[in-house]
């Protein structure tokens, strides 16, 4: 699931360069409000879960996004 998530995030960001779980979102030049909205849509479509503005309060890195998705998926089961 990790590799698929990274690939989808690269598509959302329209980024050819690789990204890593430790990458800060603030340091990714492609990360902006439109990318955040695209991410929300992608997560809803791919995983069937909703990431809201409250979730973004604790998201600083690519890995934080992944952890948020994992946590929501674990609580759904």
PDB file of N, CA and C in Angstrom:
ATOM      1  N   UNK A   1       0.813  -1.196   0.000  1.00  0.00           N
ATOM      2  CA  UNK A   1       0.000   0.000   0.000  1.00  0.00           C
ATOM      3  C   UNK A   1       0.862   1.269   0.000  1.00  0.00           C
ATOM      4  N   UNK A   2       2.042   1.188   0.614  1.00  0.00           N
ATOM      5  CA  UNK A   2       2.904   2.372   0.692  1.00  0.00           C
ATOM      6  C   UNK A   2       3.326   2.869  -0.690  1.00  0.00           C
ATOM      7  N   UNK A   3       3.773   1.966  -1.541  1.00  0.00           N
ATOM      8  CA  UNK A   3       4.236   2.364  -2.881  1.00  0.00           C
ATOM      9  C   UNK A   3       3.082   2.940  -3.695  1.00  0.00           C
ATOM     10  N   UNK A   4       1.922   2.326  -3.591  1.00  0.00           N
ATOM     11  CA  UNK A   4       0.743   2.830  -4.319  1.00  0.00           C
ATOM     12  C   UNK A   4       0.384   4.232  -3.833  1.00  0.00           C
ATOM     13  N   UNK A   5       0.421   4.439  -2.527  1.00  0.00           N
ATOM     14  CA  UNK A   5       0.126   5.758  -1.973  1.00  0.00           C
ATOM     15  C   UNK A   5       1.103   6.807  -2.519  1.00  0.00           C
ATOM     16  N   UNK A   6       2.386   6.492  -2.500  1.00  0.00           N
ATOM     17  CA  UNK A   6       3.402   7.429  -3.011  1.00  0.00           C
ATOM     18  C   UNK A   6       3.152   7.738  -4.479  1.00  0.00           C
ATOM     19  N   UNK A   7       2.849   6.723  -5.270  1.00  0.00           N
ATOM     20  CA  UNK A   7       2.570   6.943  -6.695  1.00  0.00           C
ATOM     21  C   UNK A   7       1.356   7.841  -6.888  1.00  0.00           C
ATOM     22  N   UNK A   8       0.304   7.607  -6.132  1.00  0.00           N
ATOM     23  CA  UNK A   8      -0.901   8.432  -6.253  1.00  0.00           C
ATOM     24  C   UNK A   8      -0.638   9.866  -5.807  1.00  0.00           C
ATOM     25  N   UNK A   9       0.148  10.026  -4.751  1.00  0.00           N
ATOM     26  CA  UNK A   9       0.469  11.370  -4.292  1.00  0.00           C
ATOM     27  C   UNK A   9       1.302  12.114  -5.342  1.00  0.00           C
ATOM     28  N   UNK A  10       2.213  11.421  -5.977  1.00  0.00           N
ATOM     29  CA  UNK A  10       2.995  12.039  -7.061  1.00  0.00           C
ATOM     30  C   UNK A  10       2.074  12.491  -8.197  1.00  0.00           C
ATOM     31  N   UNK A  11       1.054  11.695  -8.489  1.00  0.00           N
ATOM     32  CA  UNK A  11       0.083  12.077  -9.518  1.00  0.00           C
ATOM     33  C   UNK A  11      -0.700  13.313  -9.084  1.00  0.00           C
ATOM     34  N   UNK A  12      -1.132  13.339  -7.839  1.00  0.00           N
ATOM     35  CA  UNK A  12      -1.873  14.488  -7.317  1.00  0.00           C
ATOM     36  C   UNK A  12      -1.024  15.748  -7.416  1.00  0.00           C
ATOM     37  N   UNK A  13       0.242  15.617  -7.077  1.00  0.00           N
ATOM     38  CA  UNK A  13       1.154  16.763  -7.093  1.00  0.00           C
ATOM     39  C   UNK A  13       1.688  17.068  -8.485  1.00  0.00           C
ATOM     40  N   UNK A  14       1.390  16.171  -9.444  1.00  0.00           N
ATOM     41  CA  UNK A  14       1.940  16.291 -10.796  1.00  0.00           C
ATOM     42  C   UNK A  14       3.455  16.434 -10.722  1.00  0.00           C
ATOM     43  N   UNK A  15       4.056  15.505 -10.009  1.00  0.00           N
ATOM     44  CA  UNK A  15       5.486  15.544  -9.713  1.00  0.00           C
ATOM     45  C   UNK A  15       6.165  14.319 -10.288  1.00  0.00           C
ATOM     46  N   UNK A  16       7.248  14.545 -11.022  1.00  0.00           N
ATOM     47  CA  UNK A  16       8.030  13.453 -11.588  1.00  0.00           C
ATOM     48  C   UNK A  16       9.120  12.987 -10.628  1.00  0.00           C
ATOM     49  N   UNK A  17       9.597  13.897  -9.799  1.00  0.00           N
ATOM     50  CA  UNK A  17      10.653  13.558  -8.849  1.00  0.00           C
ATOM     51  C   UNK A  17      10.086  12.695  -7.735  1.00  0.00           C
ATOM     52  N   UNK A  18      10.870  11.762  -7.226  1.00  0.00           N
ATOM     53  CA  UNK A  18      10.361  10.900  -6.150  1.00  0.00           C
ATOM     54  C   UNK A  18      10.143  11.689  -4.861  1.00  0.00           C
ATOM     55  N   UNK A  19       9.217  11.192  -4.067  1.00  0.00           N
ATOM     56  CA  UNK A  19       8.992  11.770  -2.751  1.00  0.00           C
ATOM     57  C   UNK A  19       9.156  10.668  -1.717  1.00  0.00           C
ATOM     58  N   UNK A  20       9.393  11.085  -0.491  1.00  0.00           N
ATOM     59  CA  UNK A  20       9.655  10.150   0.589  1.00  0.00           C
ATOM     60  C   UNK A  20       8.728  10.480   1.757  1.00  0.00           C
ATOM     61  N   UNK A  21       8.503   9.522   2.618  1.00  0.00           N
ATOM     62  CA  UNK A  21       7.635   9.724   3.768  1.00  0.00           C
ATOM     63  C   UNK A  21       8.140  10.817   4.698  1.00  0.00           C
ATOM     64  N   UNK A  22       9.436  11.086   4.699  1.00  0.00           N
ATOM     65  CA  UNK A  22      10.012  12.112   5.570  1.00  0.00           C
ATOM     66  C   UNK A  22       9.933  13.515   4.979  1.00  0.00           C
ATOM     67  N   UNK A  23       9.512  13.631   3.722  1.00  0.00           N
ATOM     68  CA  UNK A  23       9.450  14.941   3.070  1.00  0.00           C
ATOM     69  C   UNK A  23       8.395  15.829   3.725  1.00  0.00           C
ATOM     70  N   UNK A  24       8.793  17.039   4.042  1.00  0.00           N
ATOM     71  CA  UNK A  24       7.873  18.021   4.601  1.00  0.00           C
ATOM     72  C   UNK A  24       6.993  18.579   3.487  1.00  0.00           C
ATOM     73  N   UNK A  25       5.703  18.693   3.753  1.00  0.00           N
ATOM     74  CA  UNK A  25       4.798  19.235   2.742  1.00  0.00           C
ATOM     75  C   UNK A  25       5.153  20.683   2.422  1.00  0.00           C
ATOM     76  N   UNK A  26       5.580  21.436   3.423  1.00  0.00           N
ATOM     77  CA  UNK A  26       5.963  22.834   3.210  1.00  0.00           C
ATOM     78  C   UNK A  26       7.143  22.984   2.266  1.00  0.00           C
ATOM     79  N   UNK A  27       7.971  21.967   2.168  1.00  0.00           N
ATOM     80  CA  UNK A  27       9.142  22.032   1.304  1.00  0.00           C
ATOM     81  C   UNK A  27       8.878  21.530  -0.113  1.00  0.00           C
ATOM     82  N   UNK A  28       7.707  20.943  -0.334  1.00  0.00           N
ATOM     83  CA  UNK A  28       7.338  20.502  -1.679  1.00  0.00           C
ATOM     84  C   UNK A  28       6.709  21.682  -2.414  1.00  0.00           C
ATOM     85  N   UNK A  29       7.365  22.155  -3.461  1.00  0.00           N
ATOM     86  CA  UNK A  29       6.871  23.346  -4.141  1.00  0.00           C
ATOM     87  C   UNK A  29       5.507  23.116  -4.787  1.00  0.00           C
ATOM     88  N   UNK A  30       5.150  21.851  -5.047  1.00  0.00           N
ATOM     89  CA  UNK A  30       3.862  21.547  -5.660  1.00  0.00           C
ATOM     90  C   UNK A  30       2.715  21.548  -4.648  1.00  0.00           C
ATOM     91  N   UNK A  31       3.028  21.548  -3.336  1.00  0.00           N
ATOM     92  CA  UNK A  31       2.005  21.469  -2.312  1.00  0.00           C
ATOM     93  C   UNK A  31       1.367  22.842  -2.103  1.00  0.00           C
ATOM     94  N   UNK A  32       0.071  22.909  -2.354  1.00  0.00           N
ATOM     95  CA  UNK A  32      -0.696  24.120  -2.116  1.00  0.00           C
ATOM     96  C   UNK A  32      -2.135  23.716  -1.793  1.00  0.00           C
ATOM     97  N   UNK A  33      -3.019  24.685  -1.695  1.00  0.00           N
ATOM     98  CA  UNK A  33      -4.406  24.379  -1.313  1.00  0.00           C
ATOM     99  C   UNK A  33      -5.105  23.513  -2.353  1.00  0.00           C
ATOM    100  N   UNK A  34      -4.788  23.714  -3.625  1.00  0.00           N
ATOM    101  CA  UNK A  34      -5.385  22.876  -4.673  1.00  0.00           C
ATOM    102  C   UNK A  34      -4.885  21.438  -4.562  1.00  0.00           C
ATOM    103  N   UNK A  35      -3.621  21.250  -4.248  1.00  0.00           N
ATOM    104  CA  UNK A  35      -3.076  19.902  -4.045  1.00  0.00           C
ATOM    105  C   UNK A  35      -3.745  19.240  -2.838  1.00  0.00           C
ATOM    106  N   UNK A  36      -3.992  20.006  -1.783  1.00  0.00           N
ATOM    107  CA  UNK A  36      -4.663  19.452  -0.602  1.00  0.00           C
ATOM    108  C   UNK A  36      -6.068  18.985  -0.962  1.00  0.00           C
ATOM    109  N   UNK A  37      -6.793  19.776  -1.725  1.00  0.00           N
ATOM    110  CA  UNK A  37      -8.134  19.384  -2.159  1.00  0.00           C
ATOM    111  C   UNK A  37      -8.090  18.149  -3.054  1.00  0.00           C
ATOM    112  N   UNK A  38      -7.110  18.095  -3.933  1.00  0.00           N
ATOM    113  CA  UNK A  38      -6.949  16.923  -4.796  1.00  0.00           C
ATOM    114  C   UNK A  38      -6.621  15.682  -3.974  1.00  0.00           C
ATOM    115  N   UNK A  39      -5.812  15.860  -2.949  1.00  0.00           N
ATOM    116  CA  UNK A  39      -5.475  14.749  -2.055  1.00  0.00           C
ATOM    117  C   UNK A  39      -6.724  14.245  -1.336  1.00  0.00           C
ATOM    118  N   UNK A  40      -7.534  15.161  -0.829  1.00  0.00           N
ATOM    119  CA  UNK A  40      -8.768  14.792  -0.145  1.00  0.00           C
ATOM    120  C   UNK A  40      -9.661  13.969  -1.068  1.00  0.00           C
ATOM    121  N   UNK A  41      -9.780  14.405  -2.296  1.00  0.00           N
ATOM    122  CA  UNK A  41     -10.595  13.693  -3.284  1.00  0.00           C
ATOM    123  C   UNK A  41     -10.019  12.318  -3.589  1.00  0.00           C
ATOM    124  N   UNK A  42      -8.705  12.242  -3.768  1.00  0.00           N
ATOM    125  CA  UNK A  42      -8.040  10.975  -4.065  1.00  0.00           C
ATOM    126  C   UNK A  42      -8.210   9.986  -2.922  1.00  0.00           C
ATOM    127  N   UNK A  43      -8.059  10.433  -1.695  1.00  0.00           N
ATOM    128  CA  UNK A  43      -8.187   9.556  -0.531  1.00  0.00           C
ATOM    129  C   UNK A  43      -9.622   9.042  -0.425  1.00  0.00           C
ATOM    130  N   UNK A  44     -10.584   9.915  -0.657  1.00  0.00           N
ATOM    131  CA  UNK A  44     -11.984   9.503  -0.615  1.00  0.00           C
ATOM    132  C   UNK A  44     -12.275   8.459  -1.683  1.00  0.00           C
ATOM    133  N   UNK A  45     -11.794   8.708  -2.887  1.00  0.00           N
ATOM    134  CA  UNK A  45     -12.036   7.781  -4.003  1.00  0.00           C
ATOM    135  C   UNK A  45     -11.309   6.453  -3.824  1.00  0.00           C
ATOM    136  N   UNK A  46     -10.061   6.511  -3.424  1.00  0.00           N
ATOM    137  CA  UNK A  46      -9.239   5.300  -3.340  1.00  0.00           C
ATOM    138  C   UNK A  46      -9.505   4.474  -2.086  1.00  0.00           C
ATOM    139  N   UNK A  47      -9.680   5.147  -0.952  1.00  0.00           N
ATOM    140  CA  UNK A  47      -9.779   4.447   0.323  1.00  0.00           C
ATOM    141  C   UNK A  47     -11.163   4.523   0.967  1.00  0.00           C
ATOM    142  N   UNK A  48     -12.026   5.394   0.433  1.00  0.00           N
ATOM    143  CA  UNK A  48     -13.368   5.533   0.983  1.00  0.00           C
ATOM    144  C   UNK A  48     -13.400   6.180   2.355  1.00  0.00           C
ATOM    145  N   UNK A  49     -12.417   7.033   2.630  1.00  0.00           N
ATOM    146  CA  UNK A  49     -12.390   7.749   3.905  1.00  0.00           C
ATOM    147  C   UNK A  49     -12.246   9.241   3.650  1.00  0.00           C
ATOM    148  N   UNK A  50     -12.608  10.031   4.647  1.00  0.00           N
ATOM    149  CA  UNK A  50     -12.581  11.472   4.526  1.00  0.00           C
ATOM    150  C   UNK A  50     -11.477  12.055   5.402  1.00  0.00           C
ATOM    151  N   UNK A  51     -10.655  12.876   4.797  1.00  0.00           N
ATOM    152  CA  UNK A  51      -9.665  13.649   5.549  1.00  0.00           C
ATOM    153  C   UNK A  51     -10.202  15.071   5.608  1.00  0.00           C
ATOM    154  N   UNK A  52     -10.374  15.572   6.810  1.00  0.00           N
ATOM    155  CA  UNK A  52     -10.918  16.912   6.991  1.00  0.00           C
ATOM    156  C   UNK A  52      -9.874  17.908   7.440  1.00  0.00           C
ATOM    157  N   UNK A  53     -10.312  19.147   7.599  1.00  0.00           N
ATOM    158  CA  UNK A  53      -9.388  20.217   7.991  1.00  0.00           C
ATOM    159  C   UNK A  53      -8.771  19.945   9.359  1.00  0.00           C
ATOM    160  N   UNK A  54      -9.515  19.312  10.250  1.00  0.00           N
ATOM    161  CA  UNK A  54      -8.988  18.978  11.576  1.00  0.00           C
ATOM    162  C   UNK A  54      -7.799  18.009  11.458  1.00  0.00           C
ATOM    163  N   UNK A  55      -7.896  17.069  10.502  1.00  0.00           N
ATOM    164  CA  UNK A  55      -6.794  16.127  10.283  1.00  0.00           C
ATOM    165  C   UNK A  55      -5.527  16.854   9.834  1.00  0.00           C
ATOM    166  N   UNK A  56      -5.697  17.883   9.019  1.00  0.00           N
ATOM    167  CA  UNK A  56      -4.538  18.597   8.492  1.00  0.00           C
ATOM    168  C   UNK A  56      -3.789  19.385   9.560  1.00  0.00           C
ATOM    169  N   UNK A  57      -4.407  19.584  10.716  1.00  0.00           N
ATOM    170  CA  UNK A  57      -3.709  20.264  11.819  1.00  0.00           C
ATOM    171  C   UNK A  57      -2.498  19.462  12.280  1.00  0.00           C
ATOM    172  N   UNK A  58      -2.543  18.133  12.091  1.00  0.00           N
ATOM    173  CA  UNK A  58      -1.464  17.256  12.553  1.00  0.00           C
ATOM    174  C   UNK A  58      -0.634  16.686  11.411  1.00  0.00           C
ATOM    175  N   UNK A  59      -0.849  17.176  10.209  1.00  0.00           N
ATOM    176  CA  UNK A  59      -0.135  16.660   9.043  1.00  0.00           C
ATOM    177  C   UNK A  59       0.937  17.658   8.626  1.00  0.00           C
ATOM    178  N   UNK A  60       2.190  17.202   8.698  1.00  0.00           N
ATOM    179  CA  UNK A  60       3.313  18.047   8.285  1.00  0.00           C
ATOM    180  C   UNK A  60       4.168  17.394   7.217  1.00  0.00           C
ATOM    181  N   UNK A  61       4.141  16.073   7.163  1.00  0.00           N
ATOM    182  CA  UNK A  61       4.980  15.337   6.218  1.00  0.00           C
ATOM    183  C   UNK A  61       4.128  14.392   5.378  1.00  0.00           C
ATOM    184  N   UNK A  62       4.733  13.850   4.350  1.00  0.00           N
ATOM    185  CA  UNK A  62       4.078  12.834   3.524  1.00  0.00           C
ATOM    186  C   UNK A  62       3.706  11.639   4.395  1.00  0.00           C
ATOM    187  N   UNK A  63       4.588  11.263   5.296  1.00  0.00           N
ATOM    188  CA  UNK A  63       4.334  10.149   6.197  1.00  0.00           C
ATOM    189  C   UNK A  63       3.150  10.399   7.110  1.00  0.00           C
ATOM    190  N   UNK A  64       2.947  11.653   7.513  1.00  0.00           N
ATOM    191  CA  UNK A  64       1.798  11.991   8.353  1.00  0.00           C
ATOM    192  C   UNK A  64       0.483  11.739   7.611  1.00  0.00           C
ATOM    193  N   UNK A  65       0.461  12.034   6.323  1.00  0.00           N
ATOM    194  CA  UNK A  65      -0.737  11.765   5.523  1.00  0.00           C
ATOM    195  C   UNK A  65      -1.006  10.271   5.523  1.00  0.00           C
ATOM    196  N   UNK A  66       0.031   9.493   5.276  1.00  0.00           N
ATOM    197  CA  UNK A  66      -0.112   8.038   5.222  1.00  0.00           C
ATOM    198  C   UNK A  66      -0.594   7.490   6.566  1.00  0.00           C
ATOM    199  N   UNK A  67      -0.009   7.979   7.656  1.00  0.00           N
ATOM    200  CA  UNK A  67      -0.418   7.532   8.998  1.00  0.00           C
ATOM    201  C   UNK A  67      -1.877   7.877   9.275  1.00  0.00           C
ATOM    202  N   UNK A  68      -2.304   9.054   8.840  1.00  0.00           N
ATOM    203  CA  UNK A  68      -3.693   9.472   9.021  1.00  0.00           C
ATOM    204  C   UNK A  68      -4.628   8.519   8.286  1.00  0.00           C
ATOM    205  N   UNK A  69      -4.277   8.178   7.059  1.00  0.00           N
ATOM    206  CA  UNK A  69      -5.095   7.241   6.275  1.00  0.00           C
ATOM    207  C   UNK A  69      -5.125   5.890   6.966  1.00  0.00           C
ATOM    208  N   UNK A  70      -3.965   5.388   7.387  1.00  0.00           N
ATOM    209  CA  UNK A  70      -3.897   4.089   8.059  1.00  0.00           C
ATOM    210  C   UNK A  70      -4.749   4.064   9.320  1.00  0.00           C
ATOM    211  N   UNK A  71      -4.667   5.111  10.111  1.00  0.00           N
ATOM    212  CA  UNK A  71      -5.432   5.194  11.348  1.00  0.00           C
ATOM    213  C   UNK A  71      -6.925   5.154  11.065  1.00  0.00           C
ATOM    214  N   UNK A  72      -7.357   5.922  10.078  1.00  0.00           N
ATOM    215  CA  UNK A  72      -8.776   5.937   9.722  1.00  0.00           C
ATOM    216  C   UNK A  72      -9.228   4.579   9.180  1.00  0.00           C
ATOM    217  N   UNK A  73      -8.376   3.929   8.405  1.00  0.00           N
ATOM    218  CA  UNK A  73      -8.718   2.606   7.890  1.00  0.00           C
ATOM    219  C   UNK A  73      -8.798   1.584   9.032  1.00  0.00           C
ATOM    220  N   UNK A  74      -7.872   1.672   9.972  1.00  0.00           N
ATOM    221  CA  UNK A  74      -7.874   0.743  11.123  1.00  0.00           C
ATOM    222  C   UNK A  74      -9.107   0.927  11.989  1.00  0.00           C
ATOM    223  N   UNK A  75      -9.546   2.160  12.173  1.00  0.00           N
ATOM    224  CA  UNK A  75     -10.715   2.429  13.012  1.00  0.00           C
ATOM    225  C   UNK A  75     -12.024   2.063  12.316  1.00  0.00           C
ATOM    226  N   UNK A  76     -11.966   1.989  11.006  1.00  0.00           N
ATOM    227  CA  UNK A  76     -13.159   1.641  10.239  1.00  0.00           C
ATOM    228  C   UNK A  76     -13.483   0.160  10.341  1.00  0.00           C
ATOM    229  N   UNK A  77     -12.490  -0.655  10.576  1.00  0.00           N
ATOM    230  CA  UNK A  77     -12.685  -2.108  10.585  1.00  0.00           C
ATOM    231  C   UNK A  77     -13.277  -2.603  11.870  1.00  0.00           C
TER     232      UNK A  77
END
